[in-house]
């Protein structure tokens, strides 16, 4: 544990204690080896007379950087090995990425200061100040290895990084045309991240919202985070936020968030096959991770969230976002319009729509294919389907078929847990023998696939609570898969990770709830 004391404009880290006069205090439960998750709680002052939100956000970041410094160092080593695996990439591409992220960081700070009367600008500043605190807290710890701001710039931009590299590499327009079908499928499976499901039972008795995270297994240094940040800003809609995350990240990246504004946000990634769109990517913009944090903090509802995330669109980490407004859901009675907003981004464009009507029919799934026709077409999916087949279409993707079959079978928490871990690729005709043609990718058994799953329901979300499991799926009762073991992939960087992933579901709840 530790706390941050703020006096006379100066910050002091008080290690191993919760000081009575602390501006922020927190603790890191180091349970990675027993549950697959560390758990971080950050709580700031509840003194409503304290109005310096910039100091509050800096203290929150400073404390997290200090508490998690050793985990950040390990995450950075693993991430560098995964993102820049060759000497050529480290020599040529890495300096370009460093320059891009450094320029973007400076631009975002300037943008935030342009219009202090704007909630969007102010909260951009708050997020960037929290990042500054994170950098300083990490650097202040004896556990930090590389004392360089780029460490935290890169880790927070982990989602954006793939598209940034595509833009900086000046990827040719025939990049995908030159791939064989197997190469193309492997690319899609390795770059399309995650499955998600929102399920309402037939009598509107229960609502479940869950996420199946796909990523490189070298990133399985997981931290579940609870922020309770008492901002005085009148346009701060959310002060509490619980989410699945990673060391050094102020965001989920998966994404899975529970917000005390009464909203839950899920996200899956869409591929953009029209690579000409990436010519518009520039550092003078806000990265996805920054816009998501800002939207989470200021959004009053789904349409407001969609507006916020569309501002200063970087065109990187091009995702489908699902915002569930729990205030519009009335169990055993009705679901009001605006309960589900679906937002999708590509370079130059963000499209959103109210899809509550689809949710009322029983479920809404997400599986790395754009939902909105405009995004689908501009991203290049019609040509891909014509060349590669219906597996890459919205209606006939393997996971679309599996969700149609499995989602209506979810009636309780056990059913939701099962569907998020579902993978019976050897027997399921819709999987076509491919372990990534299922809700829970295993890429059997390569060092990438599905690495975690959190979910919540309507009642649990009121208390910022979820169930979460870490590690690749072990299949189902009818078809078991072996637990993932690093002994099979010793050449892949996995610093600090448990040797075997065979964990159970655990309950995640914050230590403090702000009233």
Protein backbone atom coordinates (compact mmCIF):
# COMPACT_ATOMS: atom_id res chain seq x y z
CA UNK A 1 0.00 0.00 0.00
CA UNK A 2 0.98 3.66 -0.33
CA UNK A 3 -0.51 7.13 -0.31
CA UNK A 4 0.18 10.53 -1.81
CA UNK A 5 0.38 13.56 0.47
CA UNK A 6 -0.06 16.99 -1.13
CA UNK A 7 1.06 20.07 0.77
CA UNK A 8 2.12 23.54 -0.36
CA UNK A 9 1.88 22.49 -4.00
CA UNK A 10 4.21 19.53 -3.59
CA UNK A 11 3.53 15.78 -3.77
CA UNK A 12 5.10 13.22 -1.46
CA UNK A 13 4.87 9.44 -1.75
CA UNK A 14 4.21 7.83 1.64
CA UNK A 15 5.18 4.18 1.20
CA UNK A 16 3.51 1.33 3.10
CA UNK A 17 0.95 3.56 4.79
CA UNK A 18 -2.38 5.26 4.27
CA UNK A 19 -1.66 8.74 5.58
CA UNK A 20 -4.60 10.46 7.26
CA UNK A 21 -4.11 13.59 5.16
CA UNK A 22 -3.53 11.74 1.88
CA UNK A 23 -4.77 13.15 -1.39
CA UNK A 24 -4.75 9.63 -2.83
CA UNK A 25 -4.25 6.20 -1.38
CA UNK A 26 -4.24 2.72 -2.79
CA UNK A 27 -3.02 -0.82 -2.75
CA UNK A 28 -1.97 -3.55 -5.15
CA UNK A 29 -3.05 -7.09 -4.27
CA UNK A 30 -0.32 -9.25 -5.80
CA UNK A 31 -2.43 -12.30 -6.60
CA UNK A 32 -1.26 -12.92 -10.18
CA UNK A 33 0.19 -16.35 -9.44
CA UNK A 34 -2.83 -17.56 -7.46
CA UNK A 35 -5.74 -16.16 -9.49
CA UNK A 36 -4.19 -14.87 -12.72
CA UNK A 37 -4.90 -11.27 -11.68
CA UNK A 38 -3.31 -8.58 -9.58
CA UNK A 39 -5.92 -6.15 -8.26
CA UNK A 40 -5.28 -2.41 -7.97
CA UNK A 41 -7.41 0.03 -5.96
CA UNK A 42 -6.82 3.78 -6.29
CA UNK A 43 -8.98 6.14 -4.20
CA UNK A 44 -8.63 9.92 -4.00
CA UNK A 45 -9.74 12.33 -1.30
CA UNK A 46 -13.43 12.55 -0.49
CA UNK A 47 -12.99 16.07 0.89
CA UNK A 48 -15.52 17.97 -1.23
CA UNK A 49 -13.85 21.26 -0.33
CA UNK A 50 -10.76 20.24 -2.31
CA UNK A 51 -11.26 21.63 -5.82
CA UNK A 52 -7.89 21.04 -7.51
CA UNK A 53 -8.81 18.28 -9.97
CA UNK A 54 -5.45 18.53 -11.72
CA UNK A 55 -3.71 17.65 -8.45
CA UNK A 56 -6.17 14.79 -7.87
CA UNK A 57 -5.49 13.25 -11.28
CA UNK A 58 -1.73 13.67 -10.96
CA UNK A 59 -1.80 12.02 -7.53
CA UNK A 60 -3.84 9.08 -8.87
CA UNK A 61 -1.30 8.52 -11.64
CA UNK A 62 1.69 9.03 -9.36
CA UNK A 63 0.38 6.44 -6.92
CA UNK A 64 -0.35 3.84 -9.60
CA UNK A 65 3.06 4.28 -11.21
CA UNK A 66 4.77 3.81 -7.87
CA UNK A 67 2.71 0.80 -6.74
CA UNK A 68 2.99 -1.09 -10.04
CA UNK A 69 6.50 -0.11 -11.18
CA UNK A 70 7.91 -3.64 -11.15
CA UNK A 71 4.93 -4.91 -13.15
CA UNK A 72 5.32 -2.04 -15.61
CA UNK A 73 8.97 -2.94 -16.16
CA UNK A 74 8.07 -6.56 -16.93
CA UNK A 75 5.18 -5.56 -19.19
CA UNK A 76 7.44 -3.23 -21.15
CA UNK A 77 10.03 -5.97 -21.71
CA UNK A 78 7.39 -8.41 -22.95
CA UNK A 79 5.69 -5.77 -25.11
CA UNK A 80 8.92 -4.63 -26.75
CA UNK A 81 9.76 -8.21 -27.67
CA UNK A 82 6.28 -8.70 -29.17
CA UNK A 83 5.95 -5.36 -30.99
CA UNK A 84 9.53 -5.06 -32.28
CA UNK A 85 10.76 -8.65 -32.57
CA UNK A 86 13.53 -8.15 -35.12
CA UNK A 87 16.69 -6.07 -35.20
CA UNK A 88 15.36 -4.37 -38.33
CA UNK A 89 12.11 -3.34 -36.62
CA UNK A 90 14.01 -2.00 -33.61
CA UNK A 91 16.40 -0.10 -35.85
CA UNK A 92 13.94 1.35 -38.38
CA UNK A 93 10.38 1.24 -37.04
CA UNK A 94 10.92 1.83 -33.32
CA UNK A 95 12.43 5.33 -33.76
CA UNK A 96 9.45 6.28 -35.95
CA UNK A 97 7.00 5.04 -33.32
CA UNK A 98 8.88 6.86 -30.57
CA UNK A 99 8.76 10.09 -32.57
CA UNK A 100 5.04 9.67 -33.35
CA UNK A 101 4.03 9.01 -29.73
CA UNK A 102 6.23 11.81 -28.38
CA UNK A 103 4.78 14.31 -30.83
CA UNK A 104 1.26 13.12 -30.06
CA UNK A 105 1.81 13.48 -26.30
CA UNK A 106 3.01 17.07 -26.72
CA UNK A 107 0.14 17.89 -29.09
CA UNK A 108 -2.47 16.47 -26.69
CA UNK A 109 -1.11 18.59 -23.84
CA UNK A 110 -1.38 21.71 -25.99
CA UNK A 111 -4.87 20.77 -27.20
CA UNK A 112 -6.08 20.34 -23.61
CA UNK A 113 -5.00 23.88 -22.74
CA UNK A 114 -6.74 25.52 -25.70
CA UNK A 115 -10.24 25.82 -24.23
CA UNK A 116 -10.62 25.40 -20.46
CA UNK A 117 -14.35 26.19 -20.73
CA UNK A 118 -14.88 22.98 -22.72
CA UNK A 119 -15.48 19.80 -20.70
CA UNK A 120 -13.83 17.76 -23.45
CA UNK A 121 -10.67 19.88 -23.35
CA UNK A 122 -10.56 19.95 -19.55
CA UNK A 123 -10.88 16.20 -19.26
CA UNK A 124 -8.27 15.72 -21.97
CA UNK A 125 -6.02 17.66 -19.64
CA UNK A 126 -7.02 15.54 -16.65
CA UNK A 127 -6.22 12.31 -18.50
CA UNK A 128 -2.87 13.63 -19.71
CA UNK A 129 -2.07 14.82 -16.18
CA UNK A 130 -2.81 11.35 -14.82
CA UNK A 131 -0.41 9.98 -17.44
CA UNK A 132 2.24 12.48 -16.34
CA UNK A 133 1.78 11.30 -12.76
CA UNK A 134 2.04 7.69 -13.87
CA UNK A 135 5.35 8.42 -15.61
CA UNK A 136 6.72 10.19 -12.54
CA UNK A 137 5.53 7.51 -10.12
CA UNK A 138 7.12 4.76 -12.17
CA UNK A 139 10.38 6.70 -12.41
CA UNK A 140 10.38 7.34 -8.64
CA UNK A 141 10.30 3.65 -7.78
CA UNK A 142 13.42 1.58 -7.31
CA UNK A 143 11.64 -1.16 -9.29
CA UNK A 144 11.64 0.82 -12.54
CA UNK A 145 14.18 -0.48 -15.05
CA UNK A 146 14.01 1.89 -18.01
CA UNK A 147 13.32 5.41 -16.72
CA UNK A 148 11.96 6.79 -19.96
CA UNK A 149 8.52 8.38 -20.58
CA UNK A 150 8.28 6.31 -23.76
CA UNK A 151 7.70 3.22 -21.60
CA UNK A 152 4.30 4.54 -20.53
CA UNK A 153 3.49 6.21 -23.84
CA UNK A 154 3.92 2.87 -25.59
CA UNK A 155 2.07 0.75 -23.03
CA UNK A 156 -0.97 3.03 -23.04
CA UNK A 157 -0.95 3.09 -26.83
CA UNK A 158 -0.80 -0.72 -27.04
CA UNK A 159 -4.15 -0.85 -28.82
CA UNK A 160 -3.32 2.03 -31.16
CA UNK A 161 0.15 0.72 -31.92
CA UNK A 162 -0.77 -1.75 -34.65
CA UNK A 163 -2.44 0.91 -36.79
CA UNK A 164 0.30 3.43 -36.02
CA UNK A 165 2.86 0.95 -37.34
CA UNK A 166 0.74 0.32 -40.43
CA UNK A 167 0.66 4.05 -41.12
CA UNK A 168 4.38 4.56 -40.47
CA UNK A 169 5.33 1.56 -42.61
CA UNK A 170 3.60 3.15 -45.61
CA UNK A 171 1.82 -0.17 -46.17
CA UNK A 172 1.05 -0.75 -49.84
CA UNK A 173 -2.55 -0.90 -51.05
CA UNK A 174 -2.05 -4.44 -52.36
CA UNK A 175 -0.78 -5.65 -48.96
CA UNK A 176 -3.69 -8.05 -48.47
CA UNK A 177 -3.99 -9.08 -52.12
CA UNK A 178 -0.51 -10.61 -51.97
CA UNK A 179 -1.47 -12.93 -49.10
CA UNK A 180 -2.54 -16.53 -49.54
CA UNK A 181 -5.86 -17.50 -47.95
CA UNK A 182 -4.04 -19.10 -45.02
CA UNK A 183 -1.83 -16.05 -44.53
CA UNK A 184 -4.84 -13.76 -44.70
CA UNK A 185 -6.84 -15.79 -42.16
CA UNK A 186 -3.86 -15.87 -39.80
CA UNK A 187 -3.48 -12.10 -40.10
CA UNK A 188 -7.15 -11.48 -39.36
CA UNK A 189 -7.09 -13.80 -36.36
CA UNK A 190 -3.96 -12.21 -34.92
CA UNK A 191 -5.08 -8.60 -35.38
CA UNK A 192 -8.83 -8.84 -34.74
CA UNK A 193 -9.24 -8.68 -30.99
CA UNK A 194 -11.99 -10.19 -28.88
CA UNK A 195 -15.58 -11.35 -28.76
CA UNK A 196 -18.33 -9.70 -26.72
CA UNK A 197 -21.92 -10.47 -25.82
CA UNK A 198 -24.80 -8.51 -24.32
CA UNK A 199 -27.63 -10.86 -23.35
CA UNK A 200 -31.08 -10.12 -21.94
CA UNK A 201 -33.23 -13.07 -20.84
CA UNK A 202 -36.70 -13.54 -22.40
CA UNK A 203 -38.70 -11.96 -19.58
CA UNK A 204 -36.19 -9.11 -19.19
CA UNK A 205 -35.32 -10.62 -15.80
CA UNK A 206 -31.56 -10.44 -16.24
CA UNK A 207 -28.99 -8.61 -18.31
CA UNK A 208 -25.45 -9.92 -18.81
CA UNK A 209 -22.56 -8.05 -20.42
CA UNK A 210 -19.28 -9.81 -21.07
CA UNK A 211 -16.05 -9.82 -23.00
CA UNK A 212 -13.68 -12.52 -24.26
CA UNK A 213 -10.27 -10.91 -24.67
CA UNK A 214 -7.99 -12.00 -27.51
CA UNK A 215 -4.35 -10.99 -27.39
CA UNK A 216 -0.79 -12.19 -27.37
CA UNK A 217 -0.27 -14.43 -24.36
CA UNK A 218 2.88 -12.46 -23.54
CA UNK A 219 0.52 -9.69 -22.37
CA UNK A 220 -1.15 -11.89 -19.70
CA UNK A 221 0.38 -9.81 -16.92
CA UNK A 222 -3.13 -8.79 -15.94
CA UNK A 223 -4.29 -6.21 -13.40
CA UNK A 224 -7.95 -5.60 -12.61
CA UNK A 225 -8.28 -1.94 -11.63
CA UNK A 226 -10.72 0.06 -9.54
CA UNK A 227 -10.46 3.85 -9.76
CA UNK A 228 -12.50 5.98 -7.36
CA UNK A 229 -11.42 9.50 -8.32
CA UNK A 230 -13.40 12.25 -6.62
CA UNK A 231 -13.34 15.02 -9.21
CA UNK A 232 -15.12 18.27 -8.38
CA UNK A 233 -15.65 19.18 -12.04
CA UNK A 234 -19.43 19.59 -12.49
CA UNK A 235 -19.29 17.91 -15.91
CA UNK A 236 -17.59 14.77 -14.61
CA UNK A 237 -20.29 12.16 -15.14
CA UNK A 238 -18.24 9.25 -13.84
CA UNK A 239 -15.93 9.27 -10.84
CA UNK A 240 -15.74 5.53 -10.29
CA UNK A 241 -14.49 3.10 -12.91
CA UNK A 242 -13.68 -0.63 -12.68
CA UNK A 243 -12.02 -2.38 -15.59
CA UNK A 244 -9.77 -5.19 -16.77
CA UNK A 245 -6.33 -3.87 -17.63
CA UNK A 246 -2.56 -4.22 -17.71
CA UNK A 247 0.48 -2.69 -15.95
CA UNK A 248 1.16 0.88 -17.00
CA UNK A 249 -2.20 1.34 -18.72
CA UNK A 250 -4.73 3.95 -17.63
CA UNK A 251 -7.31 2.20 -19.78
CA UNK A 252 -8.63 -1.30 -20.28
CA UNK A 253 -7.50 -1.89 -23.89
CA UNK A 254 -9.61 -5.08 -23.86
CA UNK A 255 -12.09 -3.08 -23.42
CA UNK A 256 -14.35 -3.84 -20.45
CA UNK A 257 -15.50 -1.02 -18.16
CA UNK A 258 -18.10 -0.57 -15.44
CA UNK A 259 -18.76 3.14 -14.80
CA UNK A 260 -20.55 4.59 -11.79
CA UNK A 261 -22.49 6.83 -14.17
CA UNK A 262 -24.60 3.74 -14.74
CA UNK A 263 -22.97 2.61 -17.96
CA UNK A 264 -20.98 -0.43 -19.08
CA UNK A 265 -18.69 -0.29 -22.10
CA UNK A 266 -17.45 -3.25 -24.15
CA UNK A 267 -15.27 -3.21 -27.25
CA UNK A 268 -13.96 -5.47 -29.99
CA UNK A 269 -11.54 -4.59 -32.78
CA UNK A 270 -12.35 -4.41 -36.49
CA UNK A 271 -9.75 -4.87 -39.21
CA UNK A 272 -9.47 -2.13 -41.81
CA UNK A 273 -8.55 -3.70 -45.15
CA UNK A 274 -8.65 -0.41 -47.06
CA UNK A 275 -5.09 0.54 -46.13
CA UNK A 276 -5.29 3.83 -48.05
CA UNK A 277 -7.27 5.17 -45.08
CA UNK A 278 -4.15 5.00 -42.90
CA UNK A 279 -2.54 7.78 -44.94
CA UNK A 280 -4.66 10.16 -42.85
CA UNK A 281 -3.16 9.00 -39.52
CA UNK A 282 -1.12 11.75 -37.86
CA UNK A 283 0.12 12.53 -34.34
CA UNK A 284 -1.93 15.74 -34.20
CA UNK A 285 -4.97 13.85 -32.92
CA UNK A 286 -6.17 12.02 -29.83
CA UNK A 287 -5.41 8.32 -29.65
CA UNK A 288 -8.19 5.85 -29.03
CA UNK A 289 -7.14 5.21 -25.45
CA UNK A 290 -7.32 8.93 -24.64
CA UNK A 291 -10.72 9.48 -26.26
CA UNK A 292 -12.17 6.43 -24.50
CA UNK A 293 -11.04 7.71 -21.10
CA UNK A 294 -12.42 11.17 -21.81
CA UNK A 295 -15.74 9.75 -23.02
CA UNK A 296 -15.98 7.52 -19.95
CA UNK A 297 -15.48 10.53 -17.68
CA UNK A 298 -17.87 13.03 -19.26
CA UNK A 299 -20.58 11.03 -21.05
CA UNK A 300 -24.09 11.28 -19.64
CA UNK A 301 -25.48 8.62 -21.99
CA UNK A 302 -24.63 6.51 -25.01
CA UNK A 303 -25.08 9.19 -27.65
CA UNK A 304 -22.95 11.61 -25.62
CA UNK A 305 -20.28 8.92 -25.33
CA UNK A 306 -20.36 8.43 -29.11
CA UNK A 307 -19.89 12.15 -29.68
CA UNK A 308 -16.97 12.36 -27.27
CA UNK A 309 -15.07 9.41 -28.74
CA UNK A 310 -15.44 10.87 -32.24
CA UNK A 311 -13.55 14.07 -31.38
CA UNK A 312 -10.03 14.41 -32.79
CA UNK A 313 -10.20 10.85 -34.17
CA UNK A 314 -6.70 9.44 -34.67
CA UNK A 315 -7.93 6.59 -36.87
CA UNK A 316 -5.99 4.12 -34.74
CA UNK A 317 -7.32 1.12 -32.79
CA UNK A 318 -10.40 0.97 -34.98
CA UNK A 319 -13.05 -0.66 -32.84
CA UNK A 320 -16.68 -1.42 -32.32
CA UNK A 321 -17.80 0.01 -28.98
CA UNK A 322 -20.97 -1.04 -27.17
CA UNK A 323 -22.26 1.34 -24.50
CA UNK A 324 -24.99 -0.06 -22.30
CA UNK A 325 -26.94 2.55 -20.32
CA UNK A 326 -28.22 0.64 -17.30
CA UNK A 327 -30.40 3.59 -16.30
CA UNK A 328 -32.65 2.75 -19.26
CA UNK A 329 -33.13 -0.91 -18.39
CA UNK A 330 -36.01 -1.87 -16.11
CA UNK A 331 -35.97 -5.56 -15.12
CA UNK A 332 -39.20 -7.48 -15.69
CA UNK A 333 -40.71 -4.40 -17.31
CA UNK A 334 -39.05 -2.64 -20.26
CA UNK A 335 -35.90 -1.53 -22.03
CA UNK A 336 -36.02 2.13 -23.04
CA UNK A 337 -34.56 3.51 -26.26
CA UNK A 338 -30.92 4.50 -25.83
CA UNK A 339 -30.08 1.47 -23.70
CA UNK A 340 -27.55 0.21 -26.28
CA UNK A 341 -25.44 2.50 -28.43
CA UNK A 342 -23.09 0.91 -30.96
CA UNK A 343 -20.14 3.03 -32.10
CA UNK A 344 -17.61 2.16 -34.81
CA UNK A 345 -14.47 3.98 -35.91
CA UNK A 346 -12.20 3.98 -38.93
CA UNK A 347 -9.70 6.65 -40.00
CA UNK A 348 -11.66 9.84 -40.88
CA UNK A 349 -15.05 8.55 -39.65
CA UNK A 350 -16.98 7.50 -36.54
CA UNK A 351 -20.53 6.12 -36.92
CA UNK A 352 -22.97 5.39 -34.11
CA UNK A 353 -26.55 4.21 -33.75
CA UNK A 354 -29.10 3.19 -31.14
CA UNK A 355 -29.43 -0.60 -31.35
CA UNK A 356 -31.75 -1.08 -28.37
CA UNK A 357 -34.24 -2.71 -30.74
CA UNK A 358 -31.82 -5.55 -31.44
CA UNK A 359 -31.06 -5.96 -27.74
CA UNK A 360 -34.77 -6.33 -26.98
CA UNK A 361 -34.83 -9.43 -29.20
CA UNK A 362 -32.47 -11.17 -26.78
CA UNK A 363 -28.83 -10.38 -27.45
CA UNK A 364 -26.24 -8.33 -29.29
CA UNK A 365 -22.95 -10.03 -30.26
CA UNK A 366 -19.62 -8.58 -31.36
CA UNK A 367 -16.94 -10.51 -33.25
CA UNK A 368 -14.50 -8.29 -35.17
CA UNK A 369 -16.66 -7.55 -38.20
CA UNK A 370 -18.19 -4.06 -38.61
CA UNK A 371 -21.90 -3.77 -37.86
CA UNK A 372 -22.64 -0.50 -39.65
CA UNK A 373 -22.87 -0.83 -43.42
CA UNK A 374 -20.93 2.38 -44.06
CA UNK A 375 -18.00 1.27 -41.89
CA UNK A 376 -18.18 -2.25 -43.35
CA UNK A 377 -18.00 -0.95 -46.92
CA UNK A 378 -15.35 1.73 -46.41
CA UNK A 379 -13.17 -0.76 -44.51
CA UNK A 380 -13.03 -2.97 -47.59
CA UNK A 381 -15.08 -5.95 -46.42
CA UNK A 382 -17.16 -6.41 -49.62
CA UNK A 383 -14.00 -7.02 -51.67
CA UNK A 384 -12.60 -9.35 -49.02
CA UNK A 385 -15.79 -11.40 -48.96
CA UNK A 386 -15.77 -11.57 -52.76
CA UNK A 387 -12.16 -12.79 -52.80
CA UNK A 388 -11.97 -14.84 -49.59
CA UNK A 389 -15.50 -16.05 -48.87
CA UNK A 390 -18.42 -15.49 -46.51
CA UNK A 391 -16.41 -16.31 -43.37
CA UNK A 392 -15.39 -12.64 -43.37
CA UNK A 393 -18.92 -11.25 -43.71
CA UNK A 394 -21.02 -9.88 -40.87
CA UNK A 395 -23.89 -12.34 -41.15
CA UNK A 396 -21.96 -15.51 -41.99
CA UNK A 397 -18.79 -15.19 -39.92
CA UNK A 398 -18.22 -18.37 -37.88
CA UNK A 399 -18.76 -16.55 -34.60
CA UNK A 400 -21.97 -14.98 -35.90
CA UNK A 401 -23.34 -18.49 -36.38
CA UNK A 402 -22.06 -19.71 -33.01
CA UNK A 403 -23.55 -16.72 -31.18
CA UNK A 404 -26.93 -17.35 -32.87
CA UNK A 405 -26.86 -20.85 -31.47
CA UNK A 406 -25.30 -20.23 -28.05
CA UNK A 407 -26.51 -16.79 -26.92
CA UNK A 408 -30.20 -17.80 -26.53
CA UNK A 409 -29.04 -20.55 -24.15
CA UNK A 410 -27.70 -18.03 -21.62
CA UNK A 411 -30.12 -17.70 -18.70
CA UNK A 412 -27.79 -17.24 -15.73
CA UNK A 413 -24.23 -16.38 -14.73
CA UNK A 414 -23.03 -19.93 -15.31
CA UNK A 415 -24.36 -19.82 -18.85
CA UNK A 416 -22.69 -16.48 -19.51
CA UNK A 417 -19.37 -17.76 -18.17
CA UNK A 418 -19.64 -20.81 -20.40
CA UNK A 419 -20.36 -18.89 -23.59
CA UNK A 420 -17.47 -16.47 -23.04
CA UNK A 421 -15.11 -19.44 -22.71
CA UNK A 422 -16.75 -21.45 -25.50
CA UNK A 423 -14.45 -23.32 -27.85
CA UNK A 424 -15.32 -26.75 -29.24
CA UNK A 425 -13.48 -26.26 -32.51
CA UNK A 426 -12.75 -29.96 -33.03
CA UNK A 427 -16.46 -30.86 -33.07
CA UNK A 428 -18.29 -27.64 -33.90
CA UNK A 429 -19.17 -27.52 -37.61
CA UNK A 430 -19.20 -23.72 -37.52
CA UNK A 431 -15.56 -23.63 -36.37
CA UNK A 432 -14.43 -25.57 -39.46
CA UNK A 433 -11.64 -27.17 -37.41
CA UNK A 434 -10.07 -23.78 -36.62
CA UNK A 435 -9.57 -22.96 -32.92
CA UNK A 436 -10.02 -19.24 -33.62
CA UNK A 437 -13.34 -19.72 -35.37
CA UNK A 438 -14.98 -19.72 -31.97
CA UNK A 439 -16.02 -17.24 -29.31
CA UNK A 440 -12.91 -17.90 -27.28
CA UNK A 441 -9.91 -18.17 -29.63
CA UNK A 442 -7.15 -20.57 -28.65
CA UNK A 443 -5.00 -20.58 -31.82
CA UNK A 444 -4.31 -24.06 -30.65
CA UNK A 445 -1.80 -23.97 -29.13
CA UNK A 446 0.27 -21.04 -30.32
CA UNK A 447 1.28 -18.18 -27.98
CA UNK A 448 -1.70 -16.01 -28.91
CA UNK A 449 -5.44 -16.28 -28.60
CA UNK A 450 -7.90 -15.61 -25.81
CA UNK A 451 -6.32 -14.49 -22.55
CA UNK A 452 -9.12 -13.35 -20.21
CA UNK A 453 -12.86 -12.89 -19.76
CA UNK A 454 -14.74 -10.49 -17.47
CA UNK A 455 -18.51 -10.11 -17.24
CA UNK A 456 -21.10 -8.40 -15.11
CA UNK A 457 -24.87 -8.19 -14.79
CA UNK A 458 -27.36 -5.43 -14.06
CA UNK A 459 -27.29 -5.90 -10.29
CA UNK A 460 -23.53 -6.44 -9.96
CA UNK A 461 -22.74 -3.37 -12.05
CA UNK A 462 -24.49 -1.15 -9.49
CA UNK A 463 -21.71 -2.13 -7.09
CA UNK A 464 -18.93 -1.97 -9.74
CA UNK A 465 -18.58 -5.74 -9.43
CA UNK A 466 -17.78 -8.39 -12.02
CA UNK A 467 -16.60 -11.95 -12.45
CA UNK A 468 -13.26 -12.41 -14.22
CA UNK A 469 -11.00 -15.24 -15.31
CA UNK A 470 -7.46 -15.08 -16.64
CA UNK A 471 -5.81 -17.31 -19.19
CA UNK A 472 -6.73 -19.22 -22.33
CA UNK A 473 -9.84 -21.38 -22.28
CA UNK A 474 -9.56 -25.04 -21.34
CA UNK A 475 -12.59 -25.85 -23.46
CA UNK A 476 -15.84 -27.33 -22.20
CA UNK A 477 -16.94 -30.37 -20.27
CA UNK A 478 -17.43 -32.28 -23.50
CA UNK A 479 -14.10 -31.35 -25.08
CA UNK A 480 -11.23 -30.35 -22.78
CA UNK A 481 -8.19 -28.42 -23.99
CA UNK A 482 -4.91 -28.58 -22.06
CA UNK A 483 -4.09 -25.56 -19.86
CA UNK A 484 -1.71 -23.14 -21.51
CA UNK A 485 1.89 -23.69 -20.36
CA UNK A 486 4.87 -21.49 -21.16
CA UNK A 487 7.16 -24.52 -21.20
CA UNK A 488 6.06 -25.02 -24.82
CA UNK A 489 7.10 -21.49 -25.84
CA UNK A 490 10.28 -20.68 -23.97
CA UNK A 491 11.52 -18.54 -26.88
CA UNK A 492 8.61 -16.08 -26.41
CA UNK A 493 9.16 -13.30 -23.86
CA UNK A 494 6.97 -13.95 -20.80
CA UNK A 495 8.73 -12.16 -17.97
CA UNK A 496 6.80 -12.33 -14.70
CA UNK A 497 4.01 -14.56 -16.01
CA UNK A 498 2.73 -17.70 -14.25
CA UNK A 499 4.17 -20.86 -15.86
CA UNK A 500 0.74 -22.48 -16.32
CA UNK A 501 -2.68 -20.85 -16.76
CA UNK A 502 -5.40 -22.96 -15.19
CA UNK A 503 -7.26 -20.43 -13.05
CA UNK A 504 -10.88 -20.15 -11.91
CA UNK A 505 -13.40 -17.33 -11.99
CA UNK A 506 -12.93 -14.70 -9.27
CA UNK A 507 -15.13 -11.83 -8.06
CA UNK A 508 -13.81 -8.30 -8.58
CA UNK A 509 -15.11 -5.48 -6.36
CA UNK A 510 -13.64 -2.10 -5.34
CA UNK A 511 -12.63 -1.52 -1.74
CA UNK A 512 -14.41 1.85 -1.61
CA UNK A 513 -17.49 3.18 -3.41
CA UNK A 514 -17.92 6.94 -3.64
CA UNK A 515 -21.37 8.15 -2.77
